[in-house]
Structures are given as C-alpha cells and as structure tokens.
Amino acid sequence: MNTTEIFLIAMTIIFTVPWLIWRVGKTDYYAPLVVVQIITGILLGPGILGRFFPDYYAFVFTPAVVQSLNGIAWWAVMLFVMIAGIELDLKKAWAHRRESTITAGLALGTPLLFGCLAAAGLLIADGWMGPRALTWQFVLGVGMACAVTALPILILLMEKLDILRQPIGQRILRYASLDDIAIWGVLALILMDWERVGKQFAFLIAFAVAGYAFRRLMQRLAERDRWYVALVWLAAVSFGSDWAGLHFMVGAFLAGAVIEADWFDQERMDQLRHHVLLVMMPVFFLSTGLRTNWTVGGATVFIAAALLLAASVAGKLIGVRLAGRILNWAPGESSIIGWLLQTKALIMIIFANILLDKQIITPEAFTALLLMAVASTMLTVPVVAPKLARLKELILRSA
C-alpha cells in the first residue's frame, strides 16, 4: 500500500476505536469521549500495540504517516490552546479580585508545592529527568503539571453537570482563568533559554506592539472577517514564539489571550471548540499516545503516576479548602470547587508534551504524567455529581 492508503487506515482507526469504546461501553459518566480518545491513543502507542503487535504497529504507523498525523495534531492543538486563551475572562476576575486571587493562588500554589516535592522524590532514581533539563526546571515543570487546571475540559465537564452558566460555574471559570495565566507564565520561565534571551526579548516586544495593532484592527472588522484574521494571527504568533525558543504552543496561548471573547458570538465559539475536539483533536491524542514509553518498567511508571496523582488531587483540595476557610464558604462548597479545578486532561497533556519536546522530562516521566492526567479527569464527574445533588443551593451562590 502507498502512504496515502496507510494514512487513511490510521485515520479510520483513530476515529472508530474510541467512539466504539465510548458508545458501546457507555463510559460517558466516568470517562467522556475526550478521555476515551486519550486512553485509546495510549493503547495504540508503542508501549501497548507496538509491544504486542509490532508488525502491525510498524505497518500502520510508518515515519511518513506519523509525520502527516503530527502536522494535523500541531494545528489542532494550536487552535485548541488559542480558544483557551480567548475564553479567559480577566474582567470578571478583576471585579472579584480578592476572592479570585485568594482562591486561584491557593488552588495553584498548594498542588504546585506538593508536585515539586513529588518531583524531588522522583529524582532519587534515574530515568525521569530529561537530558537537557536543569534540576529546577524538572522539579518546577512536574510541579506545575500537578497544579494545572484544564480550562477547556473544565468547561465541557461543567456543561455536562449543567452548572457552566450558573453562578458557581462562572466563579470556577474565574479561578481557572487566573491559574491559566500563571501556568503559561511559569512555562515560559522554564523554557527560557539564556543563550537565546535576546531573541525571546525581541519576540515579546514585537508581540506587544503587534498585539496592540491587532486589537485595533479586530475592533474595526466585521465578525465574519475576525475569524479569518484570528487564524492568521495564530499562525504568525506561534511561529514567532517557536522561532524565539518558547515553543509554538506558548505563542498559541498568547495569540488567544489578547483576543476578547465578546468579539465573537459565544454560540459559534462553543461550536468551534466542539468541532476542533471532534474533527482534529483525536489525531493529537493518537500522536500523544505514540510518545508513551514504559522502558523503566510498567510498574514503576504506574507507581510514579500514583504519586503524582496523590500530590495533584491532595494539593488542589487542600488549597481550595484553605481558600474556603479564609472566605467563609458554605460547608461542602470547597470540595466541589476543588474537585472541578483538579481536572487535568488536555492542558496538562499539552504542557507535558512541551516539556518532552524540550527534553526536560523523559518519555517515562511523560507517560506517568499522562496517566495522572487521565485518572484525575476521570474522577471529577463521579465525585462532583453526587455532591451537587446534595447541595443544590450552592449552584446559585455567586460569591
């Protein structure tokens, strides 16, 4: 078969297998389709399919096919990250700045501390820190991976729980938005290449100037033109960021962060996010699965994943509980908010992909982080749904 035919076989597998598992297995309560797609990507990777069916794996995922899939995955994740940047609502966060700052700070800082301690524990053994990482980069990178909240997936889960447009849902979005800014800021710090700092400084200055001009232009355009100009802006900023050594996904987030959500119809933006998830992101999940590695030993990877999961969940819940005490929240409120904010999935996987690309973590550490992200996301709905049913009055509490 030629490369085109093998590529189409791979695409058929990518879209068929997770959908069948999700639909036939009726996993939606514990594992939404997006989580099933991530798990399927792991199963189709070299650690599972490649190990048990090496000839089949080598036939389907040839270098040419993988490169083609990577191109789709890059653009898909750039769109997804840009949408996450657009959905930041800093105006609401500023209007409720005391509550938002305290909650977001503790919700990020506590799991970051716990995650850094877990990363320091991993350094006792070899095989986790990447060849180009300094110790502080590895510890801070893994710690931040434990602190991440996946804003786009959080939106999907709150839609599923029917609280997205309720006051509690809007509060949680404020907290997650502030954490998103901190997450990408820390990532930029980790990726700072002091030998290329001149390039990075030049990029940031150029971005500030271009961002001002871009915002002025967008305000004058009709909405139908804004969609196209936003895509041009996304490609240009992502290129500049990657050229400067900050990684194209940092650029994608910056491109979205300077775009106002009210420049676009909210329903169309929601549709775009759902369509990107439906049409393109499954390819990213597959490419993520191709990066999984178990060479340090399957049991060791699972132990590391369990350690990181404990640090992530415990840190988030403790941090939000402290915020609840300071702000005098109602009983049970901090638990609901803490469990929703510990949702990881896509953003953490994107974050970990960048760390892997820059060789700050090894493929084995990436696999442990990936397992942690999947497990933390699968826990959210089963834990939160019964709590919401018992505490319905919290849904309408605005602050």
Protein backbone atom coordinates (compact mmCIF):
# COMPACT_ATOMS: atom_id res chain seq x y z
CA MET A 1 0.00 0.00 0.00
CA ASN A 2 1.09 3.57 -0.57
CA THR A 3 1.43 6.21 2.15
CA THR A 4 -1.98 7.77 1.43
CA GLU A 5 -3.78 4.45 1.89
CA ILE A 6 -1.94 3.66 5.12
CA PHE A 7 -2.65 7.19 6.38
CA LEU A 8 -6.38 6.65 5.77
CA ILE A 9 -6.23 3.32 7.61
CA ALA A 10 -4.68 5.14 10.57
CA MET A 11 -7.37 7.84 10.45
CA THR A 12 -10.09 5.18 10.35
CA ILE A 13 -8.65 3.56 13.45
CA ILE A 14 -8.27 6.91 15.24
CA PHE A 15 -11.93 7.82 14.83
CA THR A 16 -13.52 4.37 15.04
CA VAL A 17 -11.94 2.68 18.06
CA PRO A 18 -12.53 5.35 20.75
CA TRP A 19 -16.07 6.06 19.54
CA LEU A 20 -16.98 2.36 19.73
CA ILE A 21 -15.49 2.04 23.21
CA TRP A 22 -17.34 5.17 24.36
CA ARG A 23 -20.68 4.33 22.77
CA VAL A 24 -20.83 0.54 23.25
CA GLY A 25 -19.21 0.65 26.68
CA LYS A 26 -21.40 3.59 27.80
CA THR A 27 -18.43 5.18 29.57
CA ASP A 28 -19.67 8.77 29.44
CA TYR A 29 -20.29 9.10 33.17
CA TYR A 30 -16.80 8.01 34.21
CA ALA A 31 -14.88 8.74 31.01
CA PRO A 32 -16.21 11.28 28.48
CA LEU A 33 -15.30 10.71 24.85
CA VAL A 34 -12.29 13.02 25.11
CA VAL A 35 -10.84 10.85 27.92
CA VAL A 36 -11.54 7.66 25.96
CA GLN A 37 -9.70 9.17 22.99
CA ILE A 38 -6.66 9.87 25.17
CA ILE A 39 -6.69 6.34 26.58
CA THR A 40 -7.07 4.90 23.07
CA GLY A 41 -4.07 6.93 21.99
CA ILE A 42 -2.04 5.27 24.75
CA LEU A 43 -3.28 1.82 23.73
CA LEU A 44 -2.33 2.47 20.11
CA GLY A 45 1.14 3.67 21.09
CA PRO A 46 4.42 1.73 21.12
CA GLY A 47 4.02 0.72 24.77
CA ILE A 48 0.88 -1.37 24.12
CA LEU A 49 0.10 -2.01 20.44
CA GLY A 50 3.74 -1.72 19.45
CA ARG A 51 4.76 -4.22 22.08
CA PHE A 52 2.16 -6.90 21.47
CA PHE A 53 1.70 -6.42 17.70
CA PRO A 54 4.98 -4.93 16.50
CA ASP A 55 4.49 -5.86 12.83
CA TYR A 56 1.03 -4.28 12.68
CA TYR A 57 2.26 -1.20 14.51
CA ALA A 58 5.20 -0.79 12.13
CA PHE A 59 2.92 -1.25 9.10
CA VAL A 60 0.36 1.42 10.10
CA PHE A 61 2.50 4.00 11.88
CA THR A 62 5.29 4.46 9.39
CA PRO A 63 7.51 7.56 9.68
CA ALA A 64 5.68 9.22 6.76
CA VAL A 65 2.25 8.56 8.28
CA VAL A 66 3.35 9.73 11.72
CA GLN A 67 4.73 12.95 10.23
CA SER A 68 1.43 13.59 8.46
CA LEU A 69 -0.52 12.96 11.66
CA ASN A 70 1.82 15.28 13.57
CA GLY A 71 1.03 18.13 11.18
CA ILE A 72 -2.69 17.78 11.85
CA ALA A 73 -2.04 17.41 15.58
CA TRP A 74 0.07 20.60 15.72
CA TRP A 75 -2.60 22.73 14.09
CA ALA A 76 -5.38 21.14 16.14
CA VAL A 77 -3.68 21.83 19.45
CA MET A 78 -2.76 25.37 18.39
CA LEU A 79 -6.44 26.09 17.70
CA PHE A 80 -7.47 24.49 20.98
CA VAL A 81 -4.94 26.46 23.03
CA MET A 82 -5.90 29.71 21.28
CA ILE A 83 -9.56 29.09 22.19
CA ALA A 84 -8.48 28.52 25.81
CA GLY A 85 -6.74 31.90 25.71
CA ILE A 86 -9.82 33.59 24.25
CA GLU A 87 -12.02 32.15 27.00
CA LEU A 88 -10.03 33.85 29.74
CA ASP A 89 -12.25 36.46 31.39
CA LEU A 90 -9.94 38.80 33.27
CA LYS A 91 -12.60 41.50 33.64
CA LYS A 92 -14.74 39.30 35.89
CA ALA A 93 -11.65 38.16 37.78
CA TRP A 94 -10.74 41.82 38.43
CA ALA A 95 -14.29 42.65 39.55
CA HIS A 96 -13.99 39.88 42.19
CA ARG A 97 -10.22 40.24 42.65
CA ARG A 98 -9.92 39.44 46.36
CA GLU A 99 -11.91 36.23 46.19
CA SER A 100 -10.44 35.23 42.82
CA THR A 101 -6.84 35.96 43.80
CA ILE A 102 -7.02 34.09 47.10
CA THR A 103 -8.73 31.05 45.60
CA ALA A 104 -6.68 30.89 42.40
CA GLY A 105 -3.45 31.45 44.32
CA LEU A 106 -4.06 28.66 46.82
CA ALA A 107 -5.59 26.35 44.17
CA LEU A 108 -2.40 26.68 42.14
CA GLY A 109 0.27 27.16 44.78
CA THR A 110 -0.56 24.22 47.04
CA PRO A 111 -0.57 21.47 44.36
CA LEU A 112 2.49 23.14 42.83
CA LEU A 113 4.31 22.69 46.14
CA PHE A 114 3.10 19.10 46.52
CA GLY A 115 4.03 18.36 42.91
CA CYS A 116 7.53 19.80 43.35
CA LEU A 117 8.02 17.56 46.38
CA ALA A 118 6.86 14.55 44.34
CA ALA A 119 9.25 15.52 41.52
CA ALA A 120 12.11 15.78 44.00
CA GLY A 121 11.22 12.26 45.12
CA LEU A 122 11.42 11.00 41.53
CA LEU A 123 14.95 12.38 41.27
CA ILE A 124 16.10 9.73 43.72
CA ALA A 125 16.03 7.28 40.78
CA ASP A 126 17.34 7.77 37.26
CA GLY A 127 15.16 7.83 34.17
CA TRP A 128 12.79 10.71 34.87
CA MET A 129 14.68 13.95 34.20
CA GLY A 130 15.38 14.80 30.56
CA PRO A 131 18.93 15.18 29.21
CA ARG A 132 18.61 18.93 28.60
CA ALA A 133 16.94 19.82 31.91
CA LEU A 134 18.39 21.57 34.90
CA THR A 135 17.15 20.18 38.20
CA TRP A 136 14.99 23.25 38.96
CA GLN A 137 13.39 23.05 35.50
CA PHE A 138 12.40 19.42 36.03
CA VAL A 139 11.08 19.97 39.55
CA LEU A 140 9.15 23.11 38.64
CA GLY A 141 7.85 21.57 35.39
CA VAL A 142 6.48 18.44 37.06
CA GLY A 143 5.16 20.51 39.96
CA MET A 144 3.28 22.80 37.59
CA ALA A 145 1.92 19.78 35.70
CA CYS A 146 0.37 18.68 39.01
CA ALA A 147 -1.14 22.15 39.53
CA VAL A 148 -2.64 22.62 36.05
CA THR A 149 -6.38 23.05 35.58
CA ALA A 150 -7.59 22.22 32.05
CA LEU A 151 -9.88 25.18 31.33
CA PRO A 152 -11.41 23.80 28.07
CA ILE A 153 -12.13 20.39 29.61
CA LEU A 154 -13.43 22.07 32.75
CA ILE A 155 -15.92 23.91 30.53
CA LEU A 156 -17.03 20.64 28.93
CA LEU A 157 -17.50 18.92 32.29
CA MET A 158 -19.44 21.84 33.76
CA GLU A 159 -21.68 21.79 30.69
CA LYS A 160 -22.28 18.10 31.38
CA LEU A 161 -23.14 18.90 35.02
CA ASP A 162 -25.43 21.80 33.95
CA ILE A 163 -23.57 24.41 36.01
CA LEU A 164 -21.49 26.23 33.38
CA ARG A 165 -23.84 29.23 33.10
CA GLN A 166 -24.76 29.14 36.79
CA PRO A 167 -23.03 31.49 39.28
CA ILE A 168 -20.85 28.73 40.73
CA GLY A 169 -19.71 27.76 37.24
CA GLN A 170 -18.75 31.35 36.43
CA ARG A 171 -16.81 31.59 39.70
CA ILE A 172 -14.86 28.45 38.89
CA LEU A 173 -14.05 29.81 35.44
CA ARG A 174 -12.60 32.95 37.06
CA TYR A 175 -10.32 30.89 39.27
CA ALA A 176 -9.24 28.66 36.39
CA SER A 177 -8.60 31.67 34.14
CA LEU A 178 -6.15 33.23 36.59
CA ASP A 179 -4.39 29.89 37.04
CA ASP A 180 -4.10 29.53 33.26
CA ILE A 181 -2.14 32.77 33.05
CA ALA A 182 0.22 31.62 35.80
CA ILE A 183 0.67 28.20 34.20
CA TRP A 184 1.77 29.61 30.85
CA GLY A 185 3.91 32.24 32.55
CA VAL A 186 5.78 29.56 34.52
CA LEU A 187 6.14 27.50 31.35
CA ALA A 188 7.73 30.48 29.58
CA LEU A 189 10.16 30.79 32.53
CA ILE A 190 11.04 27.10 32.39
CA LEU A 191 11.66 27.31 28.64
CA MET A 192 13.73 30.50 28.90
CA ASP A 193 16.96 29.87 27.03
CA TRP A 194 19.52 32.28 28.41
CA GLU A 195 21.68 31.81 25.31
CA ARG A 196 18.74 32.98 23.18
CA VAL A 197 17.32 35.52 25.60
CA GLY A 198 17.85 38.30 23.03
CA LYS A 199 15.53 36.52 20.59
CA GLN A 200 12.94 35.92 23.26
CA PHE A 201 13.06 39.54 24.44
CA ALA A 202 12.69 40.71 20.83
CA PHE A 203 9.70 38.42 20.35
CA LEU A 204 7.93 39.74 23.46
CA ILE A 205 8.46 43.35 22.37
CA ALA A 206 7.26 42.59 18.85
CA PHE A 207 4.26 40.71 20.26
CA ALA A 208 3.28 43.67 22.46
CA VAL A 209 3.45 46.10 19.52
CA ALA A 210 1.74 43.74 17.07
CA GLY A 211 -0.86 42.81 19.69
CA TYR A 212 -1.88 46.44 20.10
CA ALA A 213 -2.22 46.88 16.33
CA PHE A 214 -4.06 43.55 16.04
CA ARG A 215 -6.62 44.55 18.68
CA ARG A 216 -7.28 47.86 16.95
CA LEU A 217 -7.77 46.05 13.65
CA MET A 218 -10.11 43.42 15.10
CA GLN A 219 -12.34 46.09 16.64
CA ARG A 220 -12.91 47.59 13.19
CA LEU A 221 -13.68 44.31 11.40
CA ALA A 222 -16.99 42.55 10.96
CA GLU A 223 -17.25 39.26 12.85
CA ARG A 224 -17.07 37.17 9.67
CA ASP A 225 -13.63 38.68 8.94
CA ARG A 226 -12.42 38.37 12.52
CA TRP A 227 -12.45 34.56 12.31
CA TYR A 228 -10.03 34.54 9.36
CA VAL A 229 -7.77 37.26 10.76
CA ALA A 230 -7.61 35.36 14.07
CA LEU A 231 -6.25 32.29 12.26
CA VAL A 232 -3.58 34.37 10.51
CA TRP A 233 -2.69 35.92 13.87
CA LEU A 234 -2.48 32.46 15.46
CA ALA A 235 -0.05 31.14 12.85
CA ALA A 236 2.13 34.27 12.97
CA VAL A 237 2.42 34.48 16.76
CA SER A 238 3.02 30.73 17.10
CA PHE A 239 5.82 30.98 14.53
CA GLY A 240 7.42 33.89 16.36
CA SER A 241 7.23 32.09 19.69
CA ASP A 242 8.77 28.92 18.29
CA TRP A 243 11.49 30.92 16.49
CA ALA A 244 12.37 32.56 19.81
CA GLY A 245 12.62 29.17 21.54
CA LEU A 246 9.47 29.45 23.68
CA HIS A 247 7.55 26.72 21.78
CA PHE A 248 4.69 27.34 19.37
CA MET A 249 2.02 26.43 21.95
CA VAL A 250 3.10 29.31 24.20
CA GLY A 251 2.57 31.54 21.17
CA ALA A 252 -0.84 30.00 20.53
CA PHE A 253 -1.95 30.83 24.08
CA LEU A 254 -0.62 34.40 23.81
CA ALA A 255 -2.44 34.78 20.48
CA GLY A 256 -5.72 33.85 22.14
CA ALA A 257 -5.13 35.81 25.35
CA VAL A 258 -5.19 39.19 23.57
CA ILE A 259 -8.47 38.35 21.79
CA GLU A 260 -11.68 39.44 23.50
CA ALA A 261 -14.33 36.73 23.76
CA ASP A 262 -17.10 39.25 23.10
CA TRP A 263 -15.70 39.92 19.62
CA PHE A 264 -17.30 36.62 18.64
CA ASP A 265 -20.71 35.06 19.04
CA GLN A 266 -20.49 32.80 22.11
CA GLU A 267 -22.51 30.02 20.50
CA ARG A 268 -20.24 29.96 17.45
CA MET A 269 -17.16 29.92 19.66
CA ASP A 270 -18.59 26.97 21.59
CA GLN A 271 -19.27 25.21 18.28
CA LEU A 272 -15.72 25.85 17.11
CA ARG A 273 -14.32 24.31 20.30
CA HIS A 274 -16.58 21.27 19.94
CA HIS A 275 -15.72 20.88 16.26
CA VAL A 276 -11.98 21.07 16.91
CA LEU A 277 -12.43 18.40 19.58
CA LEU A 278 -14.50 16.27 17.20
CA VAL A 279 -12.63 16.65 13.92
CA MET A 280 -8.99 17.27 14.77
CA MET A 281 -8.04 16.64 18.39
CA PRO A 282 -8.36 12.82 18.17
CA VAL A 283 -5.29 12.95 15.93
CA PHE A 284 -3.45 14.84 18.69
CA PHE A 285 -4.45 12.19 21.21
CA LEU A 286 -3.04 9.49 18.95
CA SER A 287 0.21 11.39 18.47
CA THR A 288 0.36 11.78 22.26
CA GLY A 289 -0.10 8.03 22.68
CA LEU A 290 2.79 7.42 20.29
CA ARG A 291 5.05 9.21 22.78
CA THR A 292 4.28 6.92 25.72
CA ASN A 293 7.15 4.82 26.98
CA TRP A 294 7.41 2.12 29.64
CA THR A 295 11.09 1.19 29.38
CA VAL A 296 11.83 1.91 33.06
CA GLY A 297 9.27 -0.78 33.88
CA GLY A 298 5.49 -0.67 33.72
CA ALA A 299 5.05 -1.00 37.49
CA THR A 300 7.49 1.84 38.15
CA VAL A 301 5.64 4.16 35.78
CA PHE A 302 2.32 3.38 37.49
CA ILE A 303 3.85 4.00 40.93
CA ALA A 304 5.17 7.36 39.73
CA ALA A 305 1.75 8.18 38.25
CA ALA A 306 0.06 7.33 41.57
CA LEU A 307 2.50 9.56 43.46
CA LEU A 308 1.83 12.45 41.09
CA LEU A 309 -1.94 11.88 41.25
CA ALA A 310 -1.89 11.98 45.05
CA ALA A 311 0.15 15.19 45.02
CA SER A 312 -2.15 16.77 42.43
CA VAL A 313 -5.51 15.91 43.98
CA ALA A 314 -4.49 16.39 47.61
CA GLY A 315 -2.75 19.66 46.85
CA LYS A 316 -5.74 21.07 44.95
CA LEU A 317 -8.29 20.03 47.58
CA ILE A 318 -6.21 21.33 50.49
CA GLY A 319 -5.51 24.63 48.72
CA VAL A 320 -9.18 25.26 47.90
CA ARG A 321 -10.24 24.23 51.40
CA LEU A 322 -7.87 26.86 52.84
CA ALA A 323 -9.38 29.44 50.49
CA GLY A 324 -12.87 28.41 51.63
CA ARG A 325 -11.96 28.96 55.28
CA ILE A 326 -10.49 32.39 54.56
CA LEU A 327 -13.55 33.42 52.50
CA ASN A 328 -16.14 31.77 54.79
CA TRP A 329 -17.64 29.48 52.17
CA ALA A 330 -20.57 27.20 52.98
CA PRO A 331 -19.85 23.60 54.06
CA GLY A 332 -19.16 21.39 51.05
CA GLU A 333 -18.51 24.28 48.69
CA SER A 334 -14.72 23.99 48.70
CA SER A 335 -14.92 20.26 47.99
CA ILE A 336 -17.00 20.79 44.82
CA ILE A 337 -14.79 23.61 43.57
CA GLY A 338 -11.58 21.74 44.44
CA TRP A 339 -12.60 18.60 42.56
CA LEU A 340 -13.61 20.57 39.49
CA LEU A 341 -10.39 22.59 39.49
CA GLN A 342 -8.24 19.46 39.63
CA THR A 343 -9.49 18.45 36.15
CA LYS A 344 -6.37 17.97 34.03
CA ALA A 345 -6.67 16.15 30.69
CA LEU A 346 -5.79 18.26 27.67
CA ILE A 347 -3.94 21.27 29.03
CA MET A 348 -1.71 19.14 31.23
CA ILE A 349 -1.05 16.78 28.34
CA ILE A 350 -0.18 19.76 26.14
CA PHE A 351 2.04 21.10 28.94
CA ALA A 352 3.77 17.72 29.29
CA ASN A 353 4.22 17.46 25.52
CA ILE A 354 6.15 20.72 25.57
CA LEU A 355 8.36 19.52 28.44
CA LEU A 356 9.03 16.33 26.47
CA ASP A 357 9.78 18.24 23.26
CA LYS A 358 12.32 20.37 25.12
CA GLN A 359 13.81 17.23 26.78
CA ILE A 360 13.06 18.50 30.28
CA ILE A 361 11.31 15.21 31.09
CA THR A 362 11.88 11.72 29.70
CA PRO A 363 9.28 9.66 27.83
CA GLU A 364 8.83 7.62 31.01
CA ALA A 365 8.04 10.75 33.05
CA PHE A 366 5.71 11.87 30.27
CA THR A 367 3.84 8.55 30.46
CA ALA A 368 3.45 8.89 34.24
CA LEU A 369 2.10 12.44 33.84
CA LEU A 370 -0.26 11.28 31.11
CA LEU A 371 -1.68 8.53 33.31
CA MET A 372 -2.08 11.02 36.15
CA ALA A 373 -3.98 13.45 33.87
CA VAL A 374 -6.36 10.75 32.67
CA ALA A 375 -7.05 9.44 36.18
CA SER A 376 -7.65 12.90 37.67
CA THR A 377 -10.11 13.79 34.92
CA MET A 378 -12.00 10.51 35.21
CA LEU A 379 -12.50 11.14 38.94
CA THR A 380 -14.18 14.52 38.51
CA VAL A 381 -17.76 13.81 37.40
CA PRO A 382 -18.37 10.71 39.60
CA VAL A 383 -17.20 12.66 42.67
CA VAL A 384 -18.82 16.03 41.92
CA ALA A 385 -22.24 14.91 40.61
CA PRO A 386 -23.46 13.41 43.94
CA LYS A 387 -22.13 16.42 45.85
CA LEU A 388 -24.06 18.82 43.60
CA ALA A 389 -27.23 16.76 44.03
CA ARG A 390 -26.96 17.13 47.81
CA LEU A 391 -26.01 20.81 47.79
CA LYS A 392 -28.17 22.34 45.06
CA GLU A 393 -28.29 25.74 46.74
CA LEU A 394 -24.55 26.20 46.11
CA ILE A 395 -25.14 26.29 42.36
CA LEU A 396 -26.79 29.71 42.65
CA ARG A 397 -24.28 31.21 45.07
CA SER A 398 -22.41 33.97 43.22
CA ALA A 399 -19.59 34.65 45.69
